[in-house]
Each structure stands twice: as structure tokens, then as C-alpha cells.
Amino acid sequence: MAKVERFAFHVPSLEELAGVLEKGLKENFADAQVSVVDCPDLTQEPFNFPAKGICGKPRIADVGGVPYLIPLVQKEKVYDLNTVAKDIELPGAFILGAGAASSRILGVNAELIPIVQTKSEKKPAVNGSYVAQINPADKGCLLEKYSSKYTDCEFGLLANLYASEGKPGKVIEVKANGRTGELNFVSCLRQTLEKHYGEKPVGMGGTFIIQKGKAKIHIMPPEFSACPLETDEDVNNWLRFFEMKAPLICQPVIVSRDPGFDLRVEHTHCFSQHGEGGHYHQDTSADSVRYLGYLQPAELLFRLDRPRDTHLVGRD
């Protein structure tokens, strides 16, 4: 079993968080409204998730890390979401987030958009995940439902995951339109939390939709780099970037500040019903962009299989 480290987040009330986030978003968006609402039924359109909500024992897992991908890949680093659920003391958890697909299963490198109701004593796992990879035919994006080809819940190298019991409940609804600042939606949320809560780390996860506009998204190439990727420039030259259109359904995992576990403090992957998806960087249509999100603060952080040899390259 991978080494498991545990940390308790600072957990403000939903009402307090709504006020803090609205204030921060208004500095970066023309219009922002944040309120406490009942979580919509996430089994319905446009989400079609295998669980109704994101409530119940919310926690964040940071598994593996970028140092297992670069400078050179360590392909032996593979994990299983069902095992992760047990490691974070929540067997049967509903898991959302961002990670790397298992090259052992796919035969290539790809982006994983994990959406999994993990297995419990009573029920098998329900895997609603997507995989975004480079289409060998036209070098565009190939987005596929994971379960259309594979039956496992494996992933490779790294993942940032938000886990809960998948129950309905009260959540934070975030609306933001018209970006006026430089920060992307997720960075704005995270930096707002960091600025307000400082030394008290706050974790959040859930889902948001880019309802209007376009976004800059990357997909890792199918082949791992044979040359060491030593700088962010090396990494960006290796990645494949696309402009993708709304609606995009995104899964952010946010930690306001790393309390010393070598975390990736923000990581967001997205999928769509029109064949586009991958790793979210920023909207590219600041004037027209429209975001709608449902988020929940996490109670606990679990750090699994933290890399011994680390660096800060490629964490964007």
C-alpha cells in the first residue's frame, strides 16, 4: 500500500465561504453571485454523474504527482480508485477530479477525467469517467467514455481527487460572467481563499460548467517524452493545446495553500457532450464567458504516495 498522510482542513461555514468567494470573484469578473443552495441532481443533464450530489464526508486526495511524469515518466506508478477510496477511509466514495490515464491499460498517455462511484460491499463500481487523448487520425481531441472500452478503475502517475458520499445536500453555487482580470476561474477561487484564510488551508472540490465561450485546454501527447522535460517551457512545448467550445463540464480540486505535503494546489479537467475535453487552463473569451459551479469545502486531505524526489515544474 502507498504511504498515506492525513491532514484536517479549516472548514468555514458555507455562508461564510459564499461571502468570501463572491468578494474575490467580483475583483476578476464583471458579475459574480455566490450563494448556498441545494445541490442539483447530478445524475441529470448535463452532468450525468453516477451520484446525485457532492455531499457527505467531503475529502481531497492528492495521489502520486507530477514528478512521476516529468522529467521522465515512471510508468510503474499505477493506482486504483477503489483502493484510493479505502485509503482515504471512505470505501464506496463518489470521486471527481483530474488525473492521468493508465498507460498500462490504454497503451498510450492520456488525460483522465475521473467520475467514479467506487465499489462498496454491496455494489460494484460505476465508472462514468472520460478519457481525452490525441486522435491518431487527425491529431485533434478524441474524447471517449472510459467504460466504452475498459472495465477497471485504474489511473497512472498522478491525480487530484475530490471524494464524498455522493449525497444531496447544501452546496455553494458560484456564478461568474465576463472575466475582467487575468486569473482563470479556478485560480481566482483558490487565491481568494488563500488571501482570506492565510495559514489555515481550505480545500474545495465539485463541478462547474463553462456555459458560454471558449477555453484553452491541453491534452498530453500519446508518447511520453524520451528527453527529460526540465522546465515549464519544455513541458508546454511537449503538451498539445486546443481551444475548445462551451458547454464544458469541469471538475476542480482546490487547496488554498499547501500545508507541507508537496501538493498540486489546483487541478481541473473537463469533458463535454460534443467530443472535447482535457486539462483546463483559462477561458479565451473573457467578455462572453459564463461559469456556473457547485462546490463543497473538504474536511480532510489525504496525501498518497508522495514523490520523494520533487520539483515544481509542470504544475500549471
Foldseek 3Di string as FASTA:
>chain_A
DFDKDKDFFDADDQQVLQVLLLVLLVVWFVDKHKDKDKQQQQCDPPRVAPFGAQDAQKEKEKEADCVCQFLHHDLVFKDAPQVVCVSVVHHQKFKFWWAWARCVVVVFTWIKGWGKRPDDPVGHIDTQIKIWAQDPVPRHIFIDGPVVPDDGRMGGRIIMMMIRNRHIDMWMKMKGWFTDDDAAPQVSSLQSCCVVVPPRKWKKKFKKWFAFAKFKFKIAHGDRDPHRQDALVSVVVRIDIDIGTDGKMKIKIAINDDPPQPGLGIWMWIDGPPRDIHTTDHTPCRGGIMMITTMHIHGMYMYTNYDPDDDDHPSD
